[in-house]
Amino acid sequence: MAEEKRTVGNLIRSIRENRKISREKLGLGLCSATTLMRYELGERIPDKFMADALLERMGQTPFRYEFIGSEQEFQFRMMRNHIEKLQNKEREKAGVLSLK
């Protein structure tokens, strides 16, 4: 089975459905139910302000999530994670060597 992409729209849909909140109620005053549906389907990407507002309305803490807006941003984030892992390994080695 193909793994579903992790997107802000998928996250919003998942939380909304688990809490049994309608699109109309969630989007009230923020966006239309149609726009929210497009976010959830991945046809549109909400900006950071909109994503935060929707998550907060559902009782989530937006700063717990990191949003990547494009494939290029995703690739950069993956490279950054790899570099951070390598740096942590080097720090651990340096710490172990200095104790000897």
C-alpha atoms as a PDB file:
ATOM      1  CA  MET A   1       0.000   0.000   0.000  1.00  0.00           C
ATOM      2  CA  ALA A   2       1.343   3.432  -0.906  1.00  0.00           C
ATOM      3  CA  GLU A   3       2.119   5.716   2.011  1.00  0.00           C
ATOM      4  CA  GLU A   4       0.002   8.856   2.119  1.00  0.00           C
ATOM      5  CA  LYS A   5       1.953  12.119   1.928  1.00  0.00           C
ATOM      6  CA  ARG A   6       2.158  13.998   5.202  1.00  0.00           C
ATOM      7  CA  THR A   7       0.710  17.408   4.485  1.00  0.00           C
ATOM      8  CA  VAL A   8      -0.831  20.155   6.561  1.00  0.00           C
ATOM      9  CA  GLY A   9      -4.117  19.390   4.798  1.00  0.00           C
ATOM     10  CA  ASN A  10      -3.963  15.733   5.842  1.00  0.00           C
ATOM     11  CA  LEU A  11      -3.195  16.780   9.406  1.00  0.00           C
ATOM     12  CA  ILE A  12      -6.119  19.213   9.507  1.00  0.00           C
ATOM     13  CA  ARG A  13      -8.487  16.633   8.005  1.00  0.00           C
ATOM     14  CA  SER A  14      -7.380  13.927  10.413  1.00  0.00           C
ATOM     15  CA  ILE A  15      -7.837  16.091  13.504  1.00  0.00           C
ATOM     16  CA  ARG A  16     -11.120  17.531  12.208  1.00  0.00           C
ATOM     17  CA  GLU A  17     -12.588  14.100  11.466  1.00  0.00           C
ATOM     18  CA  ASN A  18     -11.405  12.632  14.799  1.00  0.00           C
ATOM     19  CA  ARG A  19     -13.111  15.487  16.623  1.00  0.00           C
ATOM     20  CA  LYS A  20     -16.195  15.265  14.396  1.00  0.00           C
ATOM     21  CA  ILE A  21     -16.031  18.933  13.394  1.00  0.00           C
ATOM     22  CA  SER A  22     -17.683  19.952  10.135  1.00  0.00           C
ATOM     23  CA  ARG A  23     -15.726  21.922   7.549  1.00  0.00           C
ATOM     24  CA  GLU A  24     -18.297  24.708   7.834  1.00  0.00           C
ATOM     25  CA  LYS A  25     -17.808  25.025  11.586  1.00  0.00           C
ATOM     26  CA  LEU A  26     -14.010  24.820  11.443  1.00  0.00           C
ATOM     27  CA  GLY A  27     -13.694  27.393   8.675  1.00  0.00           C
ATOM     28  CA  LEU A  28     -16.271  29.851  10.076  1.00  0.00           C
ATOM     29  CA  GLY A  29     -14.774  33.321   9.779  1.00  0.00           C
ATOM     30  CA  LEU A  30     -11.495  31.973   8.415  1.00  0.00           C
ATOM     31  CA  CYS A  31     -12.204  30.332   5.087  1.00  0.00           C
ATOM     32  CA  SER A  32     -15.030  28.646   3.202  1.00  0.00           C
ATOM     33  CA  ALA A  33     -15.806  24.949   3.528  1.00  0.00           C
ATOM     34  CA  THR A  34     -14.744  24.586  -0.113  1.00  0.00           C
ATOM     35  CA  THR A  35     -11.345  26.170   0.552  1.00  0.00           C
ATOM     36  CA  LEU A  36     -10.888  23.926   3.585  1.00  0.00           C
ATOM     37  CA  MET A  37     -11.761  20.899   1.433  1.00  0.00           C
ATOM     38  CA  ARG A  38      -9.109  21.989  -1.085  1.00  0.00           C
ATOM     39  CA  TYR A  39      -6.522  22.229   1.702  1.00  0.00           C
ATOM     40  CA  GLU A  40      -7.444  18.745   2.912  1.00  0.00           C
ATOM     41  CA  LEU A  41      -7.248  17.288  -0.602  1.00  0.00           C
ATOM     42  CA  GLY A  42      -3.893  18.927  -1.264  1.00  0.00           C
ATOM     43  CA  GLU A  43      -5.255  21.081  -4.079  1.00  0.00           C
ATOM     44  CA  ARG A  44      -4.193  24.209  -2.184  1.00  0.00           C
ATOM     45  CA  ILE A  45      -1.689  24.843   0.588  1.00  0.00           C
ATOM     46  CA  PRO A  46      -2.748  27.125   3.439  1.00  0.00           C
ATOM     47  CA  ASP A  47      -0.331  29.828   4.461  1.00  0.00           C
ATOM     48  CA  LYS A  48       1.220  29.628   7.930  1.00  0.00           C
ATOM     49  CA  PHE A  49      -1.334  32.023   9.437  1.00  0.00           C
ATOM     50  CA  MET A  50      -4.288  29.995   8.158  1.00  0.00           C
ATOM     51  CA  ALA A  51      -2.797  26.640   9.178  1.00  0.00           C
ATOM     52  CA  ASP A  52      -2.082  27.971  12.678  1.00  0.00           C
ATOM     53  CA  ALA A  53      -5.578  29.436  13.010  1.00  0.00           C
ATOM     54  CA  LEU A  54      -7.255  26.172  11.947  1.00  0.00           C
ATOM     55  CA  LEU A  55      -5.082  24.079  14.262  1.00  0.00           C
ATOM     56  CA  GLU A  56      -5.642  26.430  17.211  1.00  0.00           C
ATOM     57  CA  ARG A  57      -9.387  26.310  16.637  1.00  0.00           C
ATOM     58  CA  MET A  58      -9.175  22.522  17.063  1.00  0.00           C
ATOM     59  CA  GLY A  59      -7.173  22.856  20.284  1.00  0.00           C
ATOM     60  CA  GLN A  60      -3.781  22.062  18.789  1.00  0.00           C
ATOM     61  CA  THR A  61      -0.551  23.901  19.493  1.00  0.00           C
ATOM     62  CA  PRO A  62       0.733  25.014  16.065  1.00  0.00           C
ATOM     63  CA  PHE A  63       4.389  25.360  17.083  1.00  0.00           C
ATOM     64  CA  ARG A  64       4.477  21.564  17.591  1.00  0.00           C
ATOM     65  CA  TYR A  65       4.288  21.148  13.822  1.00  0.00           C
ATOM     66  CA  GLU A  66       6.762  22.002  11.123  1.00  0.00           C
ATOM     67  CA  PHE A  67       5.251  22.818   7.754  1.00  0.00           C
ATOM     68  CA  ILE A  68       7.116  22.504   4.499  1.00  0.00           C
ATOM     69  CA  GLY A  69       5.524  24.226   1.561  1.00  0.00           C
ATOM     70  CA  SER A  70       7.255  22.743  -1.457  1.00  0.00           C
ATOM     71  CA  GLU A  71       9.226  19.728  -2.635  1.00  0.00           C
ATOM     72  CA  GLN A  72      12.379  21.851  -2.618  1.00  0.00           C
ATOM     73  CA  GLU A  73      11.748  22.891   1.018  1.00  0.00           C
ATOM     74  CA  PHE A  74      11.196  19.230   1.882  1.00  0.00           C
ATOM     75  CA  GLN A  75      14.511  18.228   0.286  1.00  0.00           C
ATOM     76  CA  PHE A  76      16.322  21.033   2.122  1.00  0.00           C
ATOM     77  CA  ARG A  77      14.754  19.913   5.410  1.00  0.00           C
ATOM     78  CA  MET A  78      15.820  16.315   4.816  1.00  0.00           C
ATOM     79  CA  MET A  79      19.401  17.439   4.083  1.00  0.00           C
ATOM     80  CA  ARG A  80      19.371  19.608   7.205  1.00  0.00           C
ATOM     81  CA  ASN A  81      18.213  16.658   9.329  1.00  0.00           C
ATOM     82  CA  HIS A  82      21.015  14.520   7.901  1.00  0.00           C
ATOM     83  CA  ILE A  83      23.624  17.194   8.606  1.00  0.00           C
ATOM     84  CA  GLU A  84      22.334  17.614  12.180  1.00  0.00           C
ATOM     85  CA  LYS A  85      22.607  13.846  12.772  1.00  0.00           C
ATOM     86  CA  LEU A  86      26.197  13.857  11.498  1.00  0.00           C
ATOM     87  CA  GLN A  87      27.045  16.844  13.689  1.00  0.00           C
ATOM     88  CA  ASN A  88      25.536  15.127  16.747  1.00  0.00           C
ATOM     89  CA  LYS A  89      27.616  12.009  16.073  1.00  0.00           C
ATOM     90  CA  GLU A  90      30.764  14.136  15.831  1.00  0.00           C
ATOM     91  CA  ARG A  91      29.891  15.895  19.102  1.00  0.00           C
ATOM     92  CA  GLU A  92      29.344  12.548  20.803  1.00  0.00           C
ATOM     93  CA  LYS A  93      32.726  11.294  19.545  1.00  0.00           C
ATOM     94  CA  ALA A  94      34.434  14.461  20.739  1.00  0.00           C
ATOM     95  CA  GLY A  95      32.790  14.115  24.147  1.00  0.00           C
ATOM     96  CA  VAL A  96      33.826  10.468  24.490  1.00  0.00           C
ATOM     97  CA  LEU A  97      37.384  11.206  23.370  1.00  0.00           C
ATOM     98  CA  SER A  98      37.789  14.099  25.804  1.00  0.00           C
ATOM     99  CA  LEU A  99      36.761  11.857  28.729  1.00  0.00           C
ATOM    100  CA  LYS A 100      39.594   9.367  28.031  1.00  0.00           C
END
